[in-house]
PDB file of N, CA and C in Angstrom:
ATOM      1  N   MET A   1     -17.501  -5.210   1.346  1.00  0.00           N
ATOM      2  CA  MET A   1     -16.462  -6.227   1.356  1.00  0.00           C
ATOM      3  C   MET A   1     -16.440  -6.882   2.730  1.00  0.00           C
ATOM      4  N   PRO A   2     -16.468  -8.216   2.762  1.00  0.00           N
ATOM      5  CA  PRO A   2     -16.430  -8.883   4.059  1.00  0.00           C
ATOM      6  C   PRO A   2     -15.076  -8.716   4.727  1.00  0.00           C
ATOM      7  N   GLN A   3     -15.107  -8.654   6.036  1.00  0.00           N
ATOM      8  CA  GLN A   3     -13.871  -8.489   6.795  1.00  0.00           C
ATOM      9  C   GLN A   3     -13.129  -9.820   6.837  1.00  0.00           C
ATOM     10  N   ILE A   4     -11.838  -9.782   6.614  1.00  0.00           N
ATOM     11  CA  ILE A   4     -10.990 -10.972   6.605  1.00  0.00           C
ATOM     12  C   ILE A   4     -10.371 -11.149   7.988  1.00  0.00           C
ATOM     13  N   MET A   5     -10.475 -12.333   8.519  1.00  0.00           N
ATOM     14  CA  MET A   5      -9.859 -12.622   9.807  1.00  0.00           C
ATOM     15  C   MET A   5      -8.459 -13.186   9.557  1.00  0.00           C
ATOM     16  N   LEU A   6      -7.461 -12.525  10.104  1.00  0.00           N
ATOM     17  CA  LEU A   6      -6.082 -12.970   9.954  1.00  0.00           C
ATOM     18  C   LEU A   6      -5.665 -13.772  11.170  1.00  0.00           C
ATOM     19  N   ASP A   7      -5.064 -14.926  10.921  1.00  0.00           N
ATOM     20  CA  ASP A   7      -4.515 -15.665  12.051  1.00  0.00           C
ATOM     21  C   ASP A   7      -3.113 -15.138  12.365  1.00  0.00           C
ATOM     22  N   GLU A   8      -2.450 -15.736  13.309  1.00  0.00           N
ATOM     23  CA  GLU A   8      -1.146 -15.242  13.754  1.00  0.00           C
ATOM     24  C   GLU A   8      -0.106 -15.269  12.630  1.00  0.00           C
ATOM     25  N   ILE A   9      -0.114 -16.326  11.834  1.00  0.00           N
ATOM     26  CA  ILE A   9       0.855 -16.436  10.736  1.00  0.00           C
ATOM     27  C   ILE A   9       0.577 -15.382   9.671  1.00  0.00           C
ATOM     28  N   ASP A  10      -0.710 -15.204   9.300  1.00  0.00           N
ATOM     29  CA  ASP A  10      -1.061 -14.173   8.319  1.00  0.00           C
ATOM     30  C   ASP A  10      -0.609 -12.796   8.803  1.00  0.00           C
ATOM     31  N   THR A  11      -0.817 -12.515  10.068  1.00  0.00           N
ATOM     32  CA  THR A  11      -0.418 -11.235  10.643  1.00  0.00           C
ATOM     33  C   THR A  11       1.098 -11.060  10.558  1.00  0.00           C
ATOM     34  N   LYS A  12       1.842 -12.122  10.851  1.00  0.00           N
ATOM     35  CA  LYS A  12       3.307 -12.056  10.744  1.00  0.00           C
ATOM     36  C   LYS A  12       3.735 -11.799   9.304  1.00  0.00           C
ATOM     37  N   ILE A  13       3.061 -12.452   8.356  1.00  0.00           N
ATOM     38  CA  ILE A  13       3.386 -12.259   6.938  1.00  0.00           C
ATOM     39  C   ILE A  13       3.151 -10.808   6.540  1.00  0.00           C
ATOM     40  N   VAL A  14       1.985 -10.280   6.895  1.00  0.00           N
ATOM     41  CA  VAL A  14       1.663  -8.897   6.533  1.00  0.00           C
ATOM     42  C   VAL A  14       2.658  -7.927   7.165  1.00  0.00           C
ATOM     43  N   CYS A  15       2.981  -8.124   8.424  1.00  0.00           N
ATOM     44  CA  CYS A  15       3.937  -7.234   9.100  1.00  0.00           C
ATOM     45  C   CYS A  15       5.313  -7.300   8.444  1.00  0.00           C
ATOM     46  N   ALA A  16       5.764  -8.507   8.122  1.00  0.00           N
ATOM     47  CA  ALA A  16       7.078  -8.656   7.488  1.00  0.00           C
ATOM     48  C   ALA A  16       7.093  -7.984   6.115  1.00  0.00           C
ATOM     49  N   LEU A  17       6.029  -8.136   5.344  1.00  0.00           N
ATOM     50  CA  LEU A  17       5.978  -7.510   4.025  1.00  0.00           C
ATOM     51  C   LEU A  17       5.847  -5.994   4.117  1.00  0.00           C
ATOM     52  N   GLN A  18       5.229  -5.496   5.181  1.00  0.00           N
ATOM     53  CA  GLN A  18       5.177  -4.044   5.363  1.00  0.00           C
ATOM     54  C   GLN A  18       6.559  -3.494   5.683  1.00  0.00           C
ATOM     55  N   ARG A  19       7.359  -4.251   6.392  1.00  0.00           N
ATOM     56  CA  ARG A  19       8.723  -3.817   6.702  1.00  0.00           C
ATOM     57  C   ARG A  19       9.627  -3.915   5.478  1.00  0.00           C
ATOM     58  N   ASN A  20       9.411  -4.970   4.680  1.00  0.00           N
ATOM     59  CA  ASN A  20      10.281  -5.195   3.521  1.00  0.00           C
ATOM     60  C   ASN A  20       9.493  -5.924   2.438  1.00  0.00           C
ATOM     61  N   GLY A  21       8.921  -5.177   1.519  1.00  0.00           N
ATOM     62  CA  GLY A  21       8.126  -5.754   0.446  1.00  0.00           C
ATOM     63  C   GLY A  21       8.944  -6.551  -0.557  1.00  0.00           C
ATOM     64  N   ARG A  22      10.260  -6.440  -0.480  1.00  0.00           N
ATOM     65  CA  ARG A  22      11.128  -7.156  -1.413  1.00  0.00           C
ATOM     66  C   ARG A  22      11.747  -8.403  -0.802  1.00  0.00           C
ATOM     67  N   ILE A  23      11.315  -8.776   0.386  1.00  0.00           N
ATOM     68  CA  ILE A  23      11.853  -9.973   1.030  1.00  0.00           C
ATOM     69  C   ILE A  23      11.558 -11.190   0.152  1.00  0.00           C
ATOM     70  N   SER A  24      12.515 -12.085   0.066  1.00  0.00           N
ATOM     71  CA  SER A  24      12.294 -13.299  -0.729  1.00  0.00           C
ATOM     72  C   SER A  24      11.303 -14.198  -0.002  1.00  0.00           C
ATOM     73  N   ASN A  25      10.619 -15.036  -0.752  1.00  0.00           N
ATOM     74  CA  ASN A  25       9.677 -15.966  -0.138  1.00  0.00           C
ATOM     75  C   ASN A  25      10.406 -16.889   0.832  1.00  0.00           C
ATOM     76  N   PHE A  26      11.618 -17.279   0.479  1.00  0.00           N
ATOM     77  CA  PHE A  26      12.410 -18.145   1.350  1.00  0.00           C
ATOM     78  C   PHE A  26      12.660 -17.478   2.700  1.00  0.00           C
ATOM     79  N   ASP A  27      13.098 -16.219   2.677  1.00  0.00           N
ATOM     80  CA  ASP A  27      13.365 -15.492   3.921  1.00  0.00           C
ATOM     81  C   ASP A  27      12.086 -15.185   4.682  1.00  0.00           C
ATOM     82  N   LEU A  28      11.035 -14.855   3.950  1.00  0.00           N
ATOM     83  CA  LEU A  28       9.743 -14.596   4.590  1.00  0.00           C
ATOM     84  C   LEU A  28       9.256 -15.844   5.320  1.00  0.00           C
ATOM     85  N   ALA A  29       9.349 -16.975   4.644  1.00  0.00           N
ATOM     86  CA  ALA A  29       8.916 -18.236   5.253  1.00  0.00           C
ATOM     87  C   ALA A  29       9.687 -18.509   6.538  1.00  0.00           C
ATOM     88  N   ALA A  30      10.995 -18.309   6.498  1.00  0.00           N
ATOM     89  CA  ALA A  30      11.811 -18.529   7.693  1.00  0.00           C
ATOM     90  C   ALA A  30      11.412 -17.575   8.812  1.00  0.00           C
ATOM     91  N   GLU A  31      11.130 -16.336   8.454  1.00  0.00           N
ATOM     92  CA  GLU A  31      10.772 -15.338   9.464  1.00  0.00           C
ATOM     93  C   GLU A  31       9.447 -15.655  10.150  1.00  0.00           C
ATOM     94  N   VAL A  32       8.491 -16.199   9.401  1.00  0.00           N
ATOM     95  CA  VAL A  32       7.163 -16.450   9.982  1.00  0.00           C
ATOM     96  C   VAL A  32       6.979 -17.892  10.455  1.00  0.00           C
ATOM     97  N   GLY A  33       7.998 -18.735  10.244  1.00  0.00           N
ATOM     98  CA  GLY A  33       7.945 -20.097  10.762  1.00  0.00           C
ATOM     99  C   GLY A  33       7.197 -21.080   9.876  1.00  0.00           C
ATOM    100  N   LEU A  34       7.279 -20.899   8.570  1.00  0.00           N
ATOM    101  CA  LEU A  34       6.665 -21.828   7.618  1.00  0.00           C
ATOM    102  C   LEU A  34       7.716 -22.309   6.640  1.00  0.00           C
ATOM    103  N   SER A  35       7.385 -23.353   5.904  1.00  0.00           N
ATOM    104  CA  SER A  35       8.230 -23.709   4.769  1.00  0.00           C
ATOM    105  C   SER A  35       7.798 -22.842   3.594  1.00  0.00           C
ATOM    106  N   PRO A  36       8.654 -22.716   2.574  1.00  0.00           N
ATOM    107  CA  PRO A  36       8.363 -21.776   1.488  1.00  0.00           C
ATOM    108  C   PRO A  36       7.042 -21.997   0.741  1.00  0.00           C
ATOM    109  N   SER A  37       6.677 -23.232   0.445  1.00  0.00           N
ATOM    110  CA  SER A  37       5.448 -23.471  -0.332  1.00  0.00           C
ATOM    111  C   SER A  37       4.185 -22.986   0.384  1.00  0.00           C
ATOM    112  N   PRO A  38       3.949 -23.368   1.638  1.00  0.00           N
ATOM    113  CA  PRO A  38       2.760 -22.854   2.319  1.00  0.00           C
ATOM    114  C   PRO A  38       2.804 -21.345   2.538  1.00  0.00           C
ATOM    115  N   CYS A  39       4.006 -20.815   2.710  1.00  0.00           N
ATOM    116  CA  CYS A  39       4.126 -19.365   2.877  1.00  0.00           C
ATOM    117  C   CYS A  39       3.677 -18.651   1.604  1.00  0.00           C
ATOM    118  N   LEU A  40       4.143 -19.116   0.465  1.00  0.00           N
ATOM    119  CA  LEU A  40       3.759 -18.506  -0.800  1.00  0.00           C
ATOM    120  C   LEU A  40       2.258 -18.640  -1.039  1.00  0.00           C
ATOM    121  N   ARG A  41       1.689 -19.778  -0.695  1.00  0.00           N
ATOM    122  CA  ARG A  41       0.232 -19.950  -0.829  1.00  0.00           C
ATOM    123  C   ARG A  41      -0.519 -18.922   0.014  1.00  0.00           C
ATOM    124  N   ARG A  42      -0.037 -18.698   1.228  1.00  0.00           N
ATOM    125  CA  ARG A  42      -0.691 -17.715   2.096  1.00  0.00           C
ATOM    126  C   ARG A  42      -0.562 -16.301   1.529  1.00  0.00           C
ATOM    127  N   VAL A  43       0.622 -15.949   1.037  1.00  0.00           N
ATOM    128  CA  VAL A  43       0.803 -14.620   0.444  1.00  0.00           C
ATOM    129  C   VAL A  43      -0.141 -14.457  -0.741  1.00  0.00           C
ATOM    130  N   ARG A  44      -0.196 -15.441  -1.617  1.00  0.00           N
ATOM    131  CA  ARG A  44      -1.088 -15.370  -2.786  1.00  0.00           C
ATOM    132  C   ARG A  44      -2.547 -15.244  -2.356  1.00  0.00           C
ATOM    133  N   HIS A  45      -2.923 -15.964  -1.298  1.00  0.00           N
ATOM    134  CA  HIS A  45      -4.295 -15.865  -0.778  1.00  0.00           C
ATOM    135  C   HIS A  45      -4.571 -14.462  -0.239  1.00  0.00           C
ATOM    136  N   LEU A  46      -3.628 -13.919   0.536  1.00  0.00           N
ATOM    137  CA  LEU A  46      -3.802 -12.567   1.078  1.00  0.00           C
ATOM    138  C   LEU A  46      -3.921 -11.541  -0.048  1.00  0.00           C
ATOM    139  N   GLU A  47      -3.212 -11.763  -1.135  1.00  0.00           N
ATOM    140  CA  GLU A  47      -3.337 -10.882  -2.305  1.00  0.00           C
ATOM    141  C   GLU A  47      -4.705 -11.050  -2.965  1.00  0.00           C
ATOM    142  N   SER A  48      -5.146 -12.294  -3.132  1.00  0.00           N
ATOM    143  CA  SER A  48      -6.396 -12.553  -3.862  1.00  0.00           C
ATOM    144  C   SER A  48      -7.636 -12.060  -3.123  1.00  0.00           C
ATOM    145  N   VAL A  49      -7.593 -12.027  -1.802  1.00  0.00           N
ATOM    146  CA  VAL A  49      -8.760 -11.551  -1.043  1.00  0.00           C
ATOM    147  C   VAL A  49      -8.674 -10.069  -0.714  1.00  0.00           C
ATOM    148  N   GLY A  50      -7.602  -9.415  -1.181  1.00  0.00           N
ATOM    149  CA  GLY A  50      -7.518  -7.974  -1.017  1.00  0.00           C
ATOM    150  C   GLY A  50      -6.880  -7.482   0.265  1.00  0.00           C
ATOM    151  N   VAL A  51      -6.290  -8.367   1.047  1.00  0.00           N
ATOM    152  CA  VAL A  51      -5.576  -7.913   2.246  1.00  0.00           C
ATOM    153  C   VAL A  51      -4.288  -7.212   1.820  1.00  0.00           C
ATOM    154  N   ILE A  52      -3.550  -7.833   0.927  1.00  0.00           N
ATOM    155  CA  ILE A  52      -2.368  -7.211   0.333  1.00  0.00           C
ATOM    156  C   ILE A  52      -2.821  -6.668  -1.015  1.00  0.00           C
ATOM    157  N   THR A  53      -2.751  -5.351  -1.164  1.00  0.00           N
ATOM    158  CA  THR A  53      -3.282  -4.742  -2.379  1.00  0.00           C
ATOM    159  C   THR A  53      -2.216  -4.287  -3.353  1.00  0.00           C
ATOM    160  N   ASP A  54      -0.988  -4.073  -2.889  1.00  0.00           N
ATOM    161  CA  ASP A  54       0.027  -3.549  -3.781  1.00  0.00           C
ATOM    162  C   ASP A  54       1.389  -3.628  -3.111  1.00  0.00           C
ATOM    163  N   TYR A  55       2.414  -3.501  -3.912  1.00  0.00           N
ATOM    164  CA  TYR A  55       3.788  -3.387  -3.438  1.00  0.00           C
ATOM    165  C   TYR A  55       4.307  -2.075  -3.995  1.00  0.00           C
ATOM    166  N   VAL A  56       4.946  -1.271  -3.160  1.00  0.00           N
ATOM    167  CA  VAL A  56       5.351   0.065  -3.595  1.00  0.00           C
ATOM    168  C   VAL A  56       6.804   0.338  -3.229  1.00  0.00           C
ATOM    169  N   ALA A  57       7.350   1.360  -3.871  1.00  0.00           N
ATOM    170  CA  ALA A  57       8.672   1.864  -3.515  1.00  0.00           C
ATOM    171  C   ALA A  57       8.480   3.221  -2.851  1.00  0.00           C
ATOM    172  N   LEU A  58       9.063   3.417  -1.706  1.00  0.00           N
ATOM    173  CA  LEU A  58       9.014   4.699  -1.027  1.00  0.00           C
ATOM    174  C   LEU A  58      10.244   5.493  -1.428  1.00  0.00           C
ATOM    175  N   VAL A  59      10.036   6.688  -1.902  1.00  0.00           N
ATOM    176  CA  VAL A  59      11.119   7.528  -2.411  1.00  0.00           C
ATOM    177  C   VAL A  59      11.449   8.601  -1.379  1.00  0.00           C
ATOM    178  N   SER A  60      12.724   8.769  -1.120  1.00  0.00           N
ATOM    179  CA  SER A  60      13.166   9.817  -0.214  1.00  0.00           C
ATOM    180  C   SER A  60      12.979  11.163  -0.887  1.00  0.00           C
ATOM    181  N   SER A  61      12.158  12.008  -0.302  1.00  0.00           N
ATOM    182  CA  SER A  61      11.912  13.316  -0.904  1.00  0.00           C
ATOM    183  C   SER A  61      13.197  14.149  -0.946  1.00  0.00           C
ATOM    184  N   GLU A  62      14.025  14.035   0.061  1.00  0.00           N
ATOM    185  CA  GLU A  62      15.278  14.793   0.067  1.00  0.00           C
ATOM    186  C   GLU A  62      16.243  14.301  -1.003  1.00  0.00           C
ATOM    187  N   ALA A  63      16.251  13.003  -1.253  1.00  0.00           N
ATOM    188  CA  ALA A  63      17.166  12.453  -2.253  1.00  0.00           C
ATOM    189  C   ALA A  63      16.835  12.943  -3.655  1.00  0.00           C
ATOM    190  N   VAL A  64      15.575  13.271  -3.902  1.00  0.00           N
ATOM    191  CA  VAL A  64      15.180  13.751  -5.227  1.00  0.00           C
ATOM    192  C   VAL A  64      14.967  15.263  -5.248  1.00  0.00           C
ATOM    193  N   GLY A  65      15.442  15.936  -4.199  1.00  0.00           N
ATOM    194  CA  GLY A  65      15.408  17.393  -4.178  1.00  0.00           C
ATOM    195  C   GLY A  65      14.068  18.004  -3.821  1.00  0.00           C
ATOM    196  N   LEU A  66      13.254  17.282  -3.070  1.00  0.00           N
ATOM    197  CA  LEU A  66      11.961  17.815  -2.633  1.00  0.00           C
ATOM    198  C   LEU A  66      11.836  17.695  -1.110  1.00  0.00           C
ATOM    199  N   PRO A  67      12.655  18.443  -0.363  1.00  0.00           N
ATOM    200  CA  PRO A  67      12.702  18.266   1.083  1.00  0.00           C
ATOM    201  C   PRO A  67      11.563  18.937   1.860  1.00  0.00           C
ATOM    202  N   VAL A  68      10.616  19.564   1.179  1.00  0.00           N
ATOM    203  CA  VAL A  68       9.556  20.288   1.872  1.00  0.00           C
ATOM    204  C   VAL A  68       8.234  19.540   1.749  1.00  0.00           C
ATOM    205  N   THR A  69       7.536  19.437   2.859  1.00  0.00           N
ATOM    206  CA  THR A  69       6.179  18.907   2.846  1.00  0.00           C
ATOM    207  C   THR A  69       5.249  20.064   3.165  1.00  0.00           C
ATOM    208  N   ALA A  70       4.240  20.248   2.350  1.00  0.00           N
ATOM    209  CA  ALA A  70       3.299  21.351   2.557  1.00  0.00           C
ATOM    210  C   ALA A  70       1.899  20.791   2.774  1.00  0.00           C
ATOM    211  N   TYR A  71       1.194  21.373   3.697  1.00  0.00           N
ATOM    212  CA  TYR A  71      -0.200  21.025   3.949  1.00  0.00           C
ATOM    213  C   TYR A  71      -1.050  22.217   3.542  1.00  0.00           C
ATOM    214  N   ILE A  72      -2.074  21.961   2.782  1.00  0.00           N
ATOM    215  CA  ILE A  72      -2.935  23.054   2.344  1.00  0.00           C
ATOM    216  C   ILE A  72      -4.382  22.713   2.640  1.00  0.00           C
ATOM    217  N   GLN A  73      -5.190  23.722   2.712  1.00  0.00           N
ATOM    218  CA  GLN A  73      -6.621  23.543   2.885  1.00  0.00           C
ATOM    219  C   GLN A  73      -7.299  24.261   1.721  1.00  0.00           C
ATOM    220  N   VAL A  74      -8.228  23.576   1.102  1.00  0.00           N
ATOM    221  CA  VAL A  74      -8.942  24.130  -0.044  1.00  0.00           C
ATOM    222  C   VAL A  74     -10.430  24.120   0.267  1.00  0.00           C
ATOM    223  N   ARG A  75     -11.079  25.210  -0.066  1.00  0.00           N
ATOM    224  CA  ARG A  75     -12.543  25.279   0.057  1.00  0.00           C
ATOM    225  C   ARG A  75     -13.116  25.513  -1.323  1.00  0.00           C
ATOM    226  N   LEU A  76     -14.102  24.735  -1.651  1.00  0.00           N
ATOM    227  CA  LEU A  76     -14.790  24.901  -2.922  1.00  0.00           C
ATOM    228  C   LEU A  76     -16.138  25.558  -2.667  1.00  0.00           C
ATOM    229  N   VAL A  77     -16.576  26.336  -3.615  1.00  0.00           N
ATOM    230  CA  VAL A  77     -17.883  26.974  -3.492  1.00  0.00           C
ATOM    231  C   VAL A  77     -18.969  25.912  -3.442  1.00  0.00           C
ATOM    232  N   SER A  78     -18.767  24.854  -4.217  1.00  0.00           N
ATOM    233  CA  SER A  78     -19.758  23.782  -4.286  1.00  0.00           C
ATOM    234  C   SER A  78     -19.033  22.455  -4.441  1.00  0.00           C
ATOM    235  N   GLN A  79     -19.612  21.410  -3.896  1.00  0.00           N
ATOM    236  CA  GLN A  79     -19.038  20.079  -4.058  1.00  0.00           C
ATOM    237  C   GLN A  79     -19.848  19.263  -5.061  1.00  0.00           C
ATOM    238  N   ALA A  80     -20.517  19.944  -5.953  1.00  0.00           N
ATOM    239  CA  ALA A  80     -21.243  19.269  -7.018  1.00  0.00           C
ATOM    240  C   ALA A  80     -20.236  18.496  -7.871  1.00  0.00           C
ATOM    241  N   ASP A  81     -20.679  17.412  -8.483  1.00  0.00           N
ATOM    242  CA  ASP A  81     -19.789  16.552  -9.253  1.00  0.00           C
ATOM    243  C   ASP A  81     -18.965  17.338 -10.276  1.00  0.00           C
ATOM    244  N   ARG A  82     -19.585  18.266 -10.961  1.00  0.00           N
ATOM    245  CA  ARG A  82     -18.879  19.036 -11.987  1.00  0.00           C
ATOM    246  C   ARG A  82     -17.765  19.888 -11.366  1.00  0.00           C
ATOM    247  N   ASN A  83     -18.046  20.516 -10.222  1.00  0.00           N
ATOM    248  CA  ASN A  83     -17.033  21.327  -9.550  1.00  0.00           C
ATOM    249  C   ASN A  83     -15.863  20.460  -9.070  1.00  0.00           C
ATOM    250  N   LEU A  84     -16.178  19.297  -8.516  1.00  0.00           N
ATOM    251  CA  LEU A  84     -15.117  18.399  -8.051  1.00  0.00           C
ATOM    252  C   LEU A  84     -14.279  17.903  -9.227  1.00  0.00           C
ATOM    253  N   ALA A  85     -14.920  17.569 -10.320  1.00  0.00           N
ATOM    254  CA  ALA A  85     -14.194  17.115 -11.510  1.00  0.00           C
ATOM    255  C   ALA A  85     -13.280  18.215 -12.038  1.00  0.00           C
ATOM    256  N   ASP A  86     -13.775  19.440 -12.079  1.00  0.00           N
ATOM    257  CA  ASP A  86     -12.947  20.572 -12.536  1.00  0.00           C
ATOM    258  C   ASP A  86     -11.739  20.775 -11.619  1.00  0.00           C
ATOM    259  N   PHE A  87     -11.977  20.682 -10.313  1.00  0.00           N
ATOM    260  CA  PHE A  87     -10.889  20.849  -9.344  1.00  0.00           C
ATOM    261  C   PHE A  87      -9.848  19.744  -9.506  1.00  0.00           C
ATOM    262  N   GLU A  88     -10.296  18.485  -9.612  1.00  0.00           N
ATOM    263  CA  GLU A  88      -9.364  17.372  -9.784  1.00  0.00           C
ATOM    264  C   GLU A  88      -8.556  17.527 -11.071  1.00  0.00           C
ATOM    265  N   GLN A  89      -9.195  17.961 -12.134  1.00  0.00           N
ATOM    266  CA  GLN A  89      -8.493  18.174 -13.404  1.00  0.00           C
ATOM    267  C   GLN A  89      -7.422  19.258 -13.258  1.00  0.00           C
ATOM    268  N   ALA A  90      -7.750  20.304 -12.524  1.00  0.00           N
ATOM    269  CA  ALA A  90      -6.795  21.399 -12.337  1.00  0.00           C
ATOM    270  C   ALA A  90      -5.561  20.953 -11.567  1.00  0.00           C
ATOM    271  N   LEU A  91      -5.685  19.928 -10.748  1.00  0.00           N
ATOM    272  CA  LEU A  91      -4.554  19.439  -9.953  1.00  0.00           C
ATOM    273  C   LEU A  91      -3.656  18.474 -10.716  1.00  0.00           C
ATOM    274  N   ARG A  92      -4.142  17.927 -11.796  1.00  0.00           N
ATOM    275  CA  ARG A  92      -3.360  16.955 -12.557  1.00  0.00           C
ATOM    276  C   ARG A  92      -2.160  17.628 -13.224  1.00  0.00           C
ATOM    277  N   PRO A  93      -1.020  16.965 -13.181  1.00  0.00           N
ATOM    278  CA  PRO A  93       0.169  17.518 -13.838  1.00  0.00           C
ATOM    279  C   PRO A  93      -0.077  17.731 -15.332  1.00  0.00           C
ATOM    280  N   GLY A  94       0.467  18.811 -15.839  1.00  0.00           N
ATOM    281  CA  GLY A  94       0.373  19.089 -17.264  1.00  0.00           C
ATOM    282  C   GLY A  94      -0.903  19.764 -17.698  1.00  0.00           C
ATOM    283  N   THR A  95      -1.731  20.159 -16.748  1.00  0.00           N
ATOM    284  CA  THR A  95      -2.981  20.834 -17.135  1.00  0.00           C
ATOM    285  C   THR A  95      -2.881  22.310 -16.892  1.00  0.00           C
TER     286      THR A  95
END
C-alpha cells in the first residue's frame, strides 16, 4: 500500500476524529478551519484511501464489570498453519 502524505488540514481532521469520532461535520470543519463541504470531502477521501479505517466505541471495562486487565504469554509447540488455526479456534467464544 502506498504511503499517504497528509497535509496540515488532513492531520488536524484525523486528530480531531481520534479525540471525538462522533463530532459533527459542522463542528469538525470549524475546528480545522474549513467550511463544511470541503471538510466532508476530505474526510471521505481519507476514508477511501484507507487513512481512516473505522469508527469505534470504547467501552469502560469497569462500567461493564470487567475491571481487570490480564497479560498472558502462550507458547505453541509448532506454528504450523494447522496448529495456529486450532489455537485461534480454541480462543473463540462459545467453543
